[in-house]
Structures are given as C-alpha cells and as structure tokens.
Amino acid sequence: MHITIAVESASKMEIIFSFFALLNFVGLFFIIIQLFIIKVKYLQ
C-alpha cells in the first residue's frame, strides 16, 4: 500500500516534469521561428 502511494506520487512528478520539458521545447521552438523571421526580414 505504501509502495503504490510512492509510485503514484512519482508518476505525478514525471507528468509534471514532462509537461515543463514540453513547455520549454515549445518555447525554444517559437524563439527559433522568431529568429528565423527576423533574419528573413533583415536579409530582404
């Protein structure tokens, strides 16, 4: 019973960490897109 509680909390932490990792990845993706748009604007 105690082990299942620990596993549940661990899975919750994994979900939270994966969610923040996904947010960081999406943020990095948008930053790269913005830099690409800026480069295209200044090159043309």
N, C-alpha and C. Protein backbone atom coordinates (compact mmCIF):
# COMPACT_ATOMS: atom_id res chain seq x y z
N MET A 1 0.83 -1.20 0.00
CA MET A 1 0.00 0.00 0.00
C MET A 1 0.87 1.26 0.00
N HIS A 2 1.89 1.26 0.83
CA HIS A 2 2.80 2.41 0.87
C HIS A 2 3.56 2.55 -0.45
N ILE A 3 3.89 1.40 -1.07
CA ILE A 3 4.64 1.42 -2.33
C ILE A 3 3.79 2.03 -3.45
N THR A 4 2.49 1.68 -3.49
CA THR A 4 1.62 2.23 -4.53
C THR A 4 1.51 3.74 -4.41
N ILE A 5 1.44 4.25 -3.19
CA ILE A 5 1.37 5.71 -2.98
C ILE A 5 2.64 6.37 -3.51
N ALA A 6 3.79 5.76 -3.23
CA ALA A 6 5.06 6.32 -3.70
C ALA A 6 5.10 6.31 -5.23
N VAL A 7 4.62 5.24 -5.84
CA VAL A 7 4.61 5.13 -7.30
C VAL A 7 3.68 6.18 -7.90
N GLU A 8 2.52 6.39 -7.27
CA GLU A 8 1.58 7.40 -7.77
C GLU A 8 2.20 8.79 -7.71
N SER A 9 2.85 9.11 -6.59
CA SER A 9 3.48 10.44 -6.48
C SER A 9 4.62 10.57 -7.49
N ALA A 10 5.36 9.49 -7.71
CA ALA A 10 6.46 9.53 -8.68
C ALA A 10 5.90 9.75 -10.09
N SER A 11 4.80 9.08 -10.41
CA SER A 11 4.22 9.26 -11.75
C SER A 11 3.70 10.68 -11.91
N LYS A 12 3.14 11.25 -10.83
CA LYS A 12 2.68 12.64 -10.89
C LYS A 12 3.86 13.57 -11.15
N MET A 13 4.97 13.34 -10.47
CA MET A 13 6.16 14.17 -10.67
C MET A 13 6.67 14.02 -12.10
N GLU A 14 6.64 12.79 -12.63
CA GLU A 14 7.09 12.57 -14.01
C GLU A 14 6.21 13.32 -15.00
N ILE A 15 4.89 13.31 -14.74
CA ILE A 15 3.96 14.04 -15.62
C ILE A 15 4.27 15.53 -15.57
N ILE A 16 4.52 16.06 -14.36
CA ILE A 16 4.83 17.49 -14.20
C ILE A 16 6.13 17.83 -14.93
N PHE A 17 7.17 16.99 -14.74
CA PHE A 17 8.46 17.27 -15.37
C PHE A 17 8.36 17.18 -16.89
N SER A 18 7.62 16.18 -17.39
CA SER A 18 7.47 16.05 -18.85
C SER A 18 6.69 17.23 -19.41
N PHE A 19 5.70 17.73 -18.63
CA PHE A 19 4.92 18.89 -19.07
C PHE A 19 5.81 20.12 -19.17
N PHE A 20 6.67 20.34 -18.16
CA PHE A 20 7.57 21.50 -18.21
C PHE A 20 8.61 21.35 -19.32
N ALA A 21 9.07 20.12 -19.55
CA ALA A 21 10.02 19.88 -20.64
C ALA A 21 9.37 20.20 -21.98
N LEU A 22 8.09 19.81 -22.13
CA LEU A 22 7.35 20.11 -23.36
C LEU A 22 7.19 21.61 -23.53
N LEU A 23 6.88 22.32 -22.43
CA LEU A 23 6.73 23.78 -22.50
C LEU A 23 8.04 24.43 -22.91
N ASN A 24 9.17 23.95 -22.33
CA ASN A 24 10.47 24.51 -22.69
C ASN A 24 10.78 24.26 -24.16
N PHE A 25 10.44 23.06 -24.65
CA PHE A 25 10.68 22.71 -26.05
C PHE A 25 9.87 23.61 -26.98
N VAL A 26 8.59 23.83 -26.62
CA VAL A 26 7.72 24.68 -27.43
C VAL A 26 8.23 26.12 -27.41
N GLY A 27 8.67 26.60 -26.24
CA GLY A 27 9.20 27.96 -26.14
C GLY A 27 10.46 28.12 -26.99
N LEU A 28 11.34 27.13 -26.94
CA LEU A 28 12.56 27.16 -27.76
C LEU A 28 12.21 27.16 -29.24
N PHE A 29 11.19 26.36 -29.61
CA PHE A 29 10.74 26.28 -31.00
C PHE A 29 10.25 27.65 -31.48
N PHE A 30 9.45 28.34 -30.64
CA PHE A 30 8.93 29.66 -31.02
C PHE A 30 10.06 30.67 -31.12
N ILE A 31 11.06 30.59 -30.24
CA ILE A 31 12.20 31.51 -30.29
C ILE A 31 12.97 31.32 -31.60
N ILE A 32 13.17 30.05 -32.00
CA ILE A 32 13.87 29.77 -33.26
C ILE A 32 13.09 30.32 -34.45
N ILE A 33 11.76 30.15 -34.42
CA ILE A 33 10.91 30.68 -35.51
C ILE A 33 11.02 32.20 -35.57
N GLN A 34 10.98 32.86 -34.40
CA GLN A 34 11.09 34.32 -34.38
C GLN A 34 12.44 34.79 -34.90
N LEU A 35 13.53 34.10 -34.52
CA LEU A 35 14.85 34.46 -35.02
C LEU A 35 14.92 34.27 -36.54
N PHE A 36 14.31 33.20 -37.04
CA PHE A 36 14.29 32.94 -38.48
C PHE A 36 13.53 34.04 -39.21
N ILE A 37 12.38 34.46 -38.66
CA ILE A 37 11.58 35.53 -39.28
C ILE A 37 12.38 36.84 -39.29
N ILE A 38 13.09 37.13 -38.19
CA ILE A 38 13.90 38.36 -38.12
C ILE A 38 15.01 38.31 -39.18
N LYS A 39 15.66 37.14 -39.33
CA LYS A 39 16.72 37.01 -40.34
C LYS A 39 16.17 37.24 -41.73
N VAL A 40 15.01 36.65 -42.03
CA VAL A 40 14.40 36.80 -43.35
C VAL A 40 14.05 38.26 -43.61
N LYS A 41 13.51 38.94 -42.59
CA LYS A 41 13.13 40.35 -42.76
C LYS A 41 14.36 41.22 -43.04
N TYR A 42 15.45 40.98 -42.29
CA TYR A 42 16.64 41.83 -42.47
C TYR A 42 17.40 41.48 -43.75
N LEU A 43 17.31 40.23 -44.21
CA LEU A 43 18.01 39.86 -45.44
C LEU A 43 17.32 40.43 -46.66
N GLN A 44 15.97 40.54 -46.63
CA GLN A 44 15.25 41.05 -47.80
C GLN A 44 15.14 42.55 -47.84
